């Protein structure tokens, strides 16, 4: 009997000229080295790319905001694969661009869908993916590097504590540019989650195509030795 093949949903934005980075000065760069046939008629395509660790769909290593914690290459592979849950706060975010996930959002979700299992990969849907490709709309600023210029949803510090300390999740991800909301200056969600050795995935795509529960997540970052983060391919595996 052939093995059952799950339905796969790719939750990753492609890396190209539209990829959004924190700094307006930073871009994904791809340089053509070869693209054609040589004198022997053999086809060859080859490119060089340059990319920062924290742009597009990427994973923050604990080292990103917690001294002496794991780099991206040191995260155990078992932590990158686990049962997924999706918590949507789209309605709240539509009314407030600086909305933050709160403990009551998590508790309300659990009262309806069941408890978040230990070791789960929790994905937060804010609805912000609809702005992907438009830097001004996605970040709330046309240019600049100052986080005070940005406006988009994130994870509140009390919700981060609940997920890290009480639910002991393996990883968290969301469809915005940061675990913290845009105006944050001290990044409490980053500090709490990274301090608990919990990686975070930012700029997740297509969360509207997965259910609240009943799926497996694989989030595999580029294995950069000593890296504070890396581009990441994240997928959800569904039973049907």
Protein backbone atom coordinates (compact mmCIF):
# COMPACT_ATOMS: atom_id res chain seq x y z
CA UNK A 1 0.00 0.00 0.00
CA UNK A 2 1.36 3.40 -0.98
CA UNK A 3 1.97 5.79 1.95
CA UNK A 4 -0.63 8.48 2.48
CA UNK A 5 0.59 11.79 1.13
CA UNK A 6 -0.48 14.85 3.16
CA UNK A 7 -1.62 18.10 1.62
CA UNK A 8 1.25 20.57 1.77
CA UNK A 9 0.81 24.32 2.19
CA UNK A 10 3.91 26.43 1.60
CA UNK A 11 3.90 29.25 4.17
CA UNK A 12 6.96 30.97 2.68
CA UNK A 13 7.24 34.17 0.66
CA UNK A 14 9.67 33.92 -2.29
CA UNK A 15 12.89 35.93 -2.06
CA UNK A 16 13.05 38.51 -4.84
CA UNK A 17 13.11 42.25 -5.46
CA UNK A 18 9.86 42.62 -3.48
CA UNK A 19 11.26 41.05 -0.31
CA UNK A 20 10.82 43.38 2.67
CA UNK A 21 13.62 44.01 5.16
CA UNK A 22 13.63 46.06 8.36
CA UNK A 23 15.90 48.64 6.80
CA UNK A 24 14.83 50.40 3.62
CA UNK A 25 18.49 50.31 2.57
CA UNK A 26 18.64 46.52 2.57
CA UNK A 27 17.56 44.45 -0.44
CA UNK A 28 17.65 40.86 -1.59
CA UNK A 29 20.22 40.77 -4.38
CA UNK A 30 20.63 38.08 -7.03
CA UNK A 31 23.42 38.39 -9.60
CA UNK A 32 23.51 36.35 -12.78
CA UNK A 33 26.77 34.47 -13.26
CA UNK A 34 25.68 32.20 -16.10
CA UNK A 35 22.45 31.74 -18.04
CA UNK A 36 22.77 30.11 -21.44
CA UNK A 37 24.60 27.53 -23.49
CA UNK A 38 28.37 27.41 -23.80
CA UNK A 39 30.32 26.77 -26.98
CA UNK A 40 29.64 23.02 -26.55
CA UNK A 41 25.91 23.56 -26.36
CA UNK A 42 25.66 22.66 -22.68
CA UNK A 43 23.09 24.66 -20.72
CA UNK A 44 24.16 26.26 -17.47
CA UNK A 45 22.35 28.63 -15.10
CA UNK A 46 24.12 29.99 -12.03
CA UNK A 47 23.43 32.95 -9.73
CA UNK A 48 24.97 34.56 -6.67
CA UNK A 49 22.69 35.96 -3.98
CA UNK A 50 23.20 38.32 -1.08
CA UNK A 51 20.67 38.50 1.76
CA UNK A 52 20.52 39.60 5.36
CA UNK A 53 19.54 37.15 8.09
CA UNK A 54 16.35 39.04 8.99
CA UNK A 55 14.28 39.68 5.88
CA UNK A 56 11.49 37.91 4.05
CA UNK A 57 10.21 34.71 5.62
CA UNK A 58 12.96 34.03 8.13
CA UNK A 59 13.66 32.54 11.53
CA UNK A 60 15.02 34.48 14.51
CA UNK A 61 17.45 32.38 16.53
CA UNK A 62 17.38 32.79 20.32
CA UNK A 63 20.79 34.49 19.98
CA UNK A 64 19.06 37.36 18.17
CA UNK A 65 17.81 38.87 21.47
CA UNK A 66 19.35 36.70 24.20
CA UNK A 67 23.06 36.62 24.96
CA UNK A 68 24.68 33.18 24.99
CA UNK A 69 21.56 31.43 23.67
CA UNK A 70 21.46 29.20 20.60
CA UNK A 71 22.49 30.39 17.15
CA UNK A 72 20.39 29.38 14.16
CA UNK A 73 22.66 26.39 13.46
CA UNK A 74 22.43 25.18 17.06
CA UNK A 75 18.64 24.86 17.27
CA UNK A 76 17.82 21.13 17.63
CA UNK A 77 16.25 19.76 14.48
CA UNK A 78 13.42 18.22 16.53
CA UNK A 79 12.41 21.73 17.64
CA UNK A 80 11.88 22.73 14.01
CA UNK A 81 9.17 20.10 13.42
CA UNK A 82 6.02 19.86 15.49
CA UNK A 83 2.24 20.05 15.81
CA UNK A 84 0.88 23.37 14.63
CA UNK A 85 -1.88 25.59 15.94
CA UNK A 86 -3.16 28.82 14.39
CA UNK A 87 -4.58 31.67 16.45
CA UNK A 88 -6.28 34.41 14.46
CA UNK A 89 -6.60 37.98 15.74
CA UNK A 90 -7.47 39.44 12.36
CA UNK A 91 -10.59 41.27 13.52
CA UNK A 92 -8.71 43.06 16.29
CA UNK A 93 -5.85 43.97 13.96
CA UNK A 94 -8.19 45.35 11.33
CA UNK A 95 -9.43 47.82 13.94
CA UNK A 96 -5.98 48.63 15.39
CA UNK A 97 -2.79 48.42 13.33
CA UNK A 98 -0.72 48.34 16.55
CA UNK A 99 -2.73 45.45 18.02
CA UNK A 100 -0.86 42.91 20.14
CA UNK A 101 -1.77 39.31 20.94
CA UNK A 102 -2.94 39.15 24.55
CA UNK A 103 -3.38 36.25 27.02
CA UNK A 104 -7.16 36.53 26.68
CA UNK A 105 -6.83 35.85 22.95
CA UNK A 106 -4.95 32.64 23.69
CA UNK A 107 -7.36 31.56 26.42
CA UNK A 108 -10.37 32.27 24.20
CA UNK A 109 -8.82 30.17 21.45
CA UNK A 110 -8.14 27.31 23.88
CA UNK A 111 -11.68 27.39 25.23
CA UNK A 112 -12.92 26.82 21.70
CA UNK A 113 -10.24 24.66 20.06
CA UNK A 114 -8.58 22.89 23.02
CA UNK A 115 -5.32 23.37 24.90
CA UNK A 116 -2.07 24.24 23.18
CA UNK A 117 0.12 21.13 23.49
CA UNK A 118 3.62 21.36 24.92
CA UNK A 119 6.12 21.62 22.07
CA UNK A 120 3.61 23.12 19.65
CA UNK A 121 4.49 25.55 16.88
CA UNK A 122 2.07 28.46 17.29
CA UNK A 123 1.25 30.62 14.27
CA UNK A 124 -0.44 33.98 14.82
CA UNK A 125 -2.59 35.29 11.98
CA UNK A 126 -3.02 39.06 11.95
CA UNK A 127 -4.14 39.39 8.35
CA UNK A 128 -1.12 41.57 7.54
CA UNK A 129 -0.02 39.35 4.65
CA UNK A 130 -2.46 41.25 2.43
CA UNK A 131 0.05 44.14 2.47
CA UNK A 132 3.08 42.03 1.48
CA UNK A 133 5.00 43.61 -1.38
CA UNK A 134 3.97 47.14 -0.38
CA UNK A 135 6.59 48.30 2.13
CA UNK A 136 4.67 51.37 3.23
CA UNK A 137 1.47 49.47 3.95
CA UNK A 138 3.22 46.43 5.46
CA UNK A 139 5.50 48.32 7.85
CA UNK A 140 3.49 51.49 8.21
CA UNK A 141 6.40 53.60 6.92
CA UNK A 142 7.72 54.43 3.48
CA UNK A 143 11.36 54.45 4.59
CA UNK A 144 13.62 54.68 7.58
CA UNK A 145 15.12 52.29 10.10
CA UNK A 146 13.57 53.63 13.30
CA UNK A 147 11.03 51.23 14.80
CA UNK A 148 9.08 54.24 16.08
CA UNK A 149 8.13 54.86 12.44
CA UNK A 150 6.52 51.44 12.03
CA UNK A 151 2.94 50.36 12.69
CA UNK A 152 1.86 46.72 12.46
CA UNK A 153 0.59 44.04 14.90
CA UNK A 154 2.68 41.76 17.09
CA UNK A 155 2.78 39.68 20.27
CA UNK A 156 2.24 41.36 23.64
CA UNK A 157 4.72 40.65 26.43
CA UNK A 158 2.16 38.92 28.67
CA UNK A 159 1.09 36.67 25.81
CA UNK A 160 4.75 35.87 25.13
CA UNK A 161 5.19 34.88 28.78
CA UNK A 162 2.12 32.65 28.64
CA UNK A 163 3.33 30.87 25.52
CA UNK A 164 6.91 30.48 26.72
CA UNK A 165 6.52 29.68 30.41
CA UNK A 166 3.06 28.17 30.81
CA UNK A 167 2.51 26.47 27.43
CA UNK A 168 6.20 25.71 26.75
CA UNK A 169 5.82 25.96 23.00
CA UNK A 170 8.65 25.03 20.63
CA UNK A 171 8.33 27.96 18.24
CA UNK A 172 6.12 30.89 17.30
CA UNK A 173 5.47 32.56 13.96
CA UNK A 174 3.32 35.32 12.52
CA UNK A 175 2.51 37.18 9.31
CA UNK A 176 4.19 40.49 10.17
CA UNK A 177 7.75 41.81 10.11
CA UNK A 178 8.43 41.32 13.82
CA UNK A 179 7.36 39.32 16.85
CA UNK A 180 6.83 42.70 18.54
CA UNK A 181 4.39 45.29 17.24
CA UNK A 182 5.71 48.06 15.02
CA UNK A 183 6.18 50.92 17.52
CA UNK A 184 8.09 48.76 20.02
CA UNK A 185 11.39 50.17 21.25
CA UNK A 186 12.39 47.45 23.73
CA UNK A 187 11.11 44.32 21.94
CA UNK A 188 9.74 42.45 24.99
CA UNK A 189 8.29 39.54 23.00
CA UNK A 190 11.68 38.96 21.40
CA UNK A 191 13.43 39.10 24.75
CA UNK A 192 11.02 36.71 26.46
CA UNK A 193 10.82 34.15 23.67
CA UNK A 194 14.51 34.21 22.75
CA UNK A 195 15.41 34.03 26.43
CA UNK A 196 13.38 30.82 26.66
CA UNK A 197 15.23 29.36 23.63
CA UNK A 198 12.11 29.70 21.46
CA UNK A 199 12.80 30.66 17.83
CA UNK A 200 10.43 33.01 16.02
CA UNK A 201 9.43 33.05 12.37
CA UNK A 202 8.49 36.38 10.83
CA UNK A 203 6.75 37.22 7.55
CA UNK A 204 4.87 33.92 7.35
CA UNK A 205 2.61 33.54 4.29
CA UNK A 206 -0.74 31.91 3.42
CA UNK A 207 -2.04 31.40 6.94
CA UNK A 208 -5.56 31.70 5.57
CA UNK A 209 -5.04 28.29 3.89
CA UNK A 210 -4.51 26.28 7.08
CA UNK A 211 -6.95 25.32 9.85
CA UNK A 212 -6.70 26.15 13.55
CA UNK A 213 -5.43 22.67 14.45
CA UNK A 214 -4.68 19.29 12.92
CA UNK A 215 -1.52 20.03 10.97
CA UNK A 216 2.22 19.52 11.27
CA UNK A 217 4.75 22.31 10.76
CA UNK A 218 8.23 21.98 9.29
CA UNK A 219 10.33 25.15 9.54
CA UNK A 220 13.84 24.63 8.20
CA UNK A 221 16.18 27.65 8.19
CA UNK A 222 19.46 27.95 6.33
CA UNK A 223 22.06 26.46 8.70
CA UNK A 224 24.34 29.46 9.20
CA UNK A 225 27.03 28.77 11.79
CA UNK A 226 26.77 31.37 14.55
CA UNK A 227 23.85 33.07 12.80
CA UNK A 228 21.31 35.23 14.63
CA UNK A 229 18.70 34.21 12.07
CA UNK A 230 18.29 32.88 8.55
CA UNK A 231 15.94 32.66 5.59
CA UNK A 232 13.49 29.85 6.31
CA UNK A 233 11.27 27.49 4.31
CA UNK A 234 8.19 26.78 6.39
CA UNK A 235 5.42 24.40 5.35
CA UNK A 236 2.28 22.93 6.91
CA UNK A 237 1.32 19.30 6.36
CA UNK A 238 -2.43 18.64 6.50
CA UNK A 239 -4.26 15.32 6.63
CA UNK A 240 -6.66 16.41 3.93
